[in-house]
Amino acid sequence: MTDADRDPDADAPRHDALVVAEYVGLRSEIIKLIELQSQLVSLAVVTVGAVLGVAVQTRSSGLAFVYPVPALILGITWLNHAHAISRCALYLSQDFEPHRGGGALGWEGFVRRNPLRFGMLGYWGVRSVFMGSSLVALVVGWSLIREHTLLIIAGVISTLISLGTVALFLLWRESSPRKLLAEESTKTAVPGE
């Protein structure tokens, strides 16, 4: 039996199962990445509380100056997950949902067309955990500092790391649903209209 002799409708259930499996797999990946992001935020909050609590009790500016390093590492990891989520969601909304599932799939497209009313508060609120805690650690560190050259050098390095964290979150952002929706509408617009 050749490929030309086979009934094309016989492969339809297998194809539908593959479509569903891909969709479920990508949605599961998004959910897992969101869970990991939540754990990173919790870890950052617990870490800043523990480090700054001990730093204030022991009056150790050096300990407070250490915190921006884990804040930067946790922040980079969180951003990496955010970009992976955005990539999966973009694929689902632009390439997957419109062409597969016979119109039965559409959550990501719906989310992109109907963003949360105050979604930017959440967008920046979560990011501020990494930036804000790093800056708070700086304030605590500089307020506890004694005239010691090594501590001043540590404070300057810590300040540069904190500023790097802020710059990273301001510059390395995934596209927002509103921006993507605007880009999609300009791609589908007919030239000359």
Protein backbone atom coordinates (compact mmCIF):
# COMPACT_ATOMS: atom_id res chain seq x y z
CA MET A 1 0.00 0.00 0.00
CA THR A 2 1.41 3.37 -1.00
CA ASP A 3 0.73 6.75 0.57
CA ALA A 4 -1.60 7.55 -2.32
CA ASP A 5 -3.72 4.46 -1.56
CA ARG A 6 -4.30 5.37 2.11
CA ASP A 7 -7.46 7.06 3.25
CA PRO A 8 -6.55 10.61 4.43
CA ASP A 9 -9.43 10.57 6.95
CA ALA A 10 -7.90 7.55 8.71
CA ASP A 11 -5.08 9.73 10.04
CA ALA A 12 -7.44 12.44 11.33
CA PRO A 13 -7.87 11.02 14.87
CA ARG A 14 -4.12 10.59 15.22
CA HIS A 15 -3.54 14.14 13.98
CA ASP A 16 -6.17 15.52 16.38
CA ALA A 17 -4.50 13.67 19.26
CA LEU A 18 -1.14 15.21 18.32
CA VAL A 19 -2.68 18.68 18.18
CA VAL A 20 -4.24 18.25 21.61
CA ALA A 21 -0.99 16.82 23.02
CA GLU A 22 1.03 19.76 21.73
CA TYR A 23 -1.46 22.27 23.12
CA VAL A 24 -1.63 20.55 26.52
CA GLY A 25 2.16 20.26 26.61
CA LEU A 26 2.69 23.96 25.94
CA ARG A 27 0.02 25.03 28.43
CA SER A 28 1.63 22.72 31.02
CA GLU A 29 5.02 24.28 30.31
CA ILE A 30 3.57 27.76 30.87
CA ILE A 31 1.99 26.69 34.15
CA LYS A 32 5.23 25.10 35.37
CA LEU A 33 7.23 28.21 34.49
CA ILE A 34 4.72 30.39 36.37
CA GLU A 35 5.08 28.11 39.40
CA LEU A 36 8.87 28.41 39.21
CA GLN A 37 8.57 32.19 38.98
CA SER A 38 6.44 32.25 42.12
CA GLN A 39 9.05 30.19 43.93
CA LEU A 40 11.79 32.60 42.83
CA VAL A 41 9.81 35.59 44.13
CA SER A 42 9.25 33.81 47.45
CA LEU A 43 12.93 32.92 47.67
CA ALA A 44 13.92 36.55 47.01
CA VAL A 45 11.57 37.84 49.72
CA VAL A 46 12.74 35.28 52.27
CA THR A 47 16.39 35.90 51.39
CA VAL A 48 16.18 39.68 51.70
CA GLY A 49 14.36 39.36 55.01
CA ALA A 50 16.91 36.94 56.42
CA VAL A 51 20.00 38.77 55.14
CA LEU A 52 18.85 42.24 56.13
CA GLY A 53 17.51 41.02 59.47
CA VAL A 54 20.90 39.59 60.39
CA ALA A 55 22.73 42.60 58.90
CA VAL A 56 20.76 45.05 61.04
CA GLN A 57 21.08 42.96 64.21
CA THR A 58 24.83 42.58 63.77
CA ARG A 59 25.26 46.07 62.30
CA SER A 60 27.06 44.52 59.32
CA SER A 61 27.03 46.63 56.20
CA GLY A 62 29.10 43.98 54.41
CA LEU A 63 26.31 41.42 54.84
CA ALA A 64 23.72 43.86 53.50
CA PHE A 65 25.96 44.53 50.50
CA VAL A 66 25.98 40.81 49.66
CA TYR A 67 22.23 40.62 48.96
CA PRO A 68 22.21 42.36 45.52
CA VAL A 69 24.16 39.40 44.08
CA PRO A 70 21.44 36.80 44.80
CA ALA A 71 18.80 39.39 43.79
CA LEU A 72 20.47 39.72 40.40
CA ILE A 73 20.80 35.95 39.95
CA LEU A 74 17.20 35.28 40.99
CA GLY A 75 16.01 38.19 38.83
CA ILE A 76 17.81 36.90 35.73
CA THR A 77 16.32 33.46 36.28
CA TRP A 78 12.84 34.96 36.76
CA LEU A 79 13.20 37.00 33.56
CA ASN A 80 14.35 33.94 31.65
CA HIS A 81 11.17 32.17 32.73
CA ALA A 82 9.09 35.23 31.78
CA HIS A 83 10.54 35.19 28.27
CA ALA A 84 9.94 31.45 27.94
CA ILE A 85 6.31 31.94 28.99
CA SER A 86 5.92 34.79 26.53
CA ARG A 87 7.41 32.70 23.72
CA CYS A 88 5.06 29.76 24.40
CA ALA A 89 2.03 32.04 24.67
CA LEU A 90 2.96 33.88 21.48
CA TYR A 91 3.32 30.62 19.58
CA LEU A 92 -0.04 29.40 20.88
CA SER A 93 -1.85 32.65 20.05
CA GLN A 94 -0.30 33.38 16.65
CA ASP A 95 0.78 30.07 15.12
CA PHE A 96 -1.13 27.32 16.88
CA GLU A 97 -4.65 28.42 17.80
CA PRO A 98 -5.57 30.10 14.48
CA HIS A 99 -4.48 27.09 12.39
CA ARG A 100 -5.26 24.05 14.53
CA GLY A 101 -8.09 22.76 16.65
CA GLY A 102 -10.84 23.92 14.31
CA GLY A 103 -11.45 27.09 16.33
CA ALA A 104 -11.95 25.16 19.57
CA LEU A 105 -8.66 26.45 21.01
CA GLY A 106 -8.33 30.11 21.78
CA TRP A 107 -7.29 30.95 25.34
CA GLU A 108 -3.99 32.65 24.47
CA GLY A 109 -5.61 34.65 21.70
CA PHE A 110 -8.36 35.73 24.09
CA VAL A 111 -5.78 36.79 26.69
CA ARG A 112 -3.91 38.87 24.11
CA ARG A 113 -7.11 40.53 22.89
CA ASN A 114 -8.41 41.18 26.43
CA PRO A 115 -5.51 42.18 28.69
CA LEU A 116 -6.15 42.78 32.37
CA ARG A 117 -7.31 46.31 33.09
CA PHE A 118 -4.52 47.08 35.56
CA GLY A 119 -2.16 44.42 34.28
CA MET A 120 0.83 46.75 34.28
CA LEU A 121 0.58 47.03 38.07
CA GLY A 122 1.17 43.29 38.34
CA TYR A 123 3.77 43.43 35.59
CA TRP A 124 5.90 45.95 37.47
CA GLY A 125 4.85 44.83 40.95
CA VAL A 126 6.49 41.43 40.65
CA ARG A 127 9.59 42.85 38.98
CA SER A 128 9.97 45.39 41.76
CA VAL A 129 10.64 42.57 44.23
CA PHE A 130 14.06 42.04 42.69
CA MET A 131 14.86 45.68 41.94
CA GLY A 132 13.37 47.10 45.14
CA SER A 133 14.87 44.56 47.52
CA SER A 134 18.28 45.15 45.98
CA LEU A 135 17.93 48.91 46.47
CA VAL A 136 16.66 48.44 50.05
CA ALA A 137 19.73 46.31 50.78
CA LEU A 138 21.87 49.19 49.52
CA VAL A 139 20.14 51.69 51.78
CA VAL A 140 20.60 49.40 54.77
CA GLY A 141 24.21 48.70 53.86
CA TRP A 142 25.14 52.35 53.40
CA SER A 143 23.36 53.31 56.62
CA LEU A 144 25.39 50.74 58.58
CA ILE A 145 28.76 51.40 56.96
CA ARG A 146 31.81 52.30 58.99
CA GLU A 147 34.88 54.01 57.66
CA HIS A 148 36.62 50.98 56.25
CA THR A 149 38.07 50.90 52.74
CA LEU A 150 37.04 47.31 52.06
CA LEU A 151 33.43 48.01 53.08
CA ILE A 152 33.31 51.10 50.86
CA ILE A 153 34.60 49.06 47.92
CA ALA A 154 31.99 46.37 48.66
CA GLY A 155 29.32 49.09 48.81
CA VAL A 156 30.34 50.53 45.45
CA ILE A 157 30.35 47.08 43.83
CA SER A 158 26.99 46.31 45.42
CA THR A 159 25.62 49.61 44.13
CA LEU A 160 26.77 48.78 40.60
CA ILE A 161 25.16 45.33 40.81
CA SER A 162 21.90 46.87 42.05
CA LEU A 163 21.90 49.41 39.25
CA GLY A 164 22.58 46.55 36.83
CA THR A 165 19.55 44.70 38.20
CA VAL A 166 17.34 47.76 37.70
CA ALA A 167 18.70 48.32 34.18
CA LEU A 168 18.21 44.65 33.33
CA PHE A 169 14.54 44.73 34.32
CA LEU A 170 13.95 47.99 32.47
CA LEU A 171 15.66 46.90 29.27
CA TRP A 172 15.12 43.14 28.98
CA ARG A 173 11.34 42.93 28.93
CA GLU A 174 9.10 40.52 27.14
CA SER A 175 6.43 42.05 24.92
CA SER A 176 3.17 42.98 26.59
CA PRO A 177 -0.13 41.62 25.21
CA ARG A 178 -1.18 45.12 24.11
CA LYS A 179 2.03 45.63 22.14
CA LEU A 180 1.74 42.20 20.52
CA LEU A 181 -1.90 42.84 19.63
CA ALA A 182 -0.91 46.14 17.98
CA GLU A 183 1.86 44.37 16.04
CA GLU A 184 -0.55 41.63 14.94
CA SER A 185 -3.10 44.16 13.69
CA THR A 186 -0.46 46.04 11.66
CA LYS A 187 0.70 42.74 10.07
CA THR A 188 -2.85 41.81 9.06
CA ALA A 189 -3.79 45.29 7.85
CA VAL A 190 -4.04 45.62 4.09
CA PRO A 191 -1.54 48.17 2.72
CA GLY A 192 -3.20 51.29 1.36
CA GLU A 193 -6.30 51.11 3.56
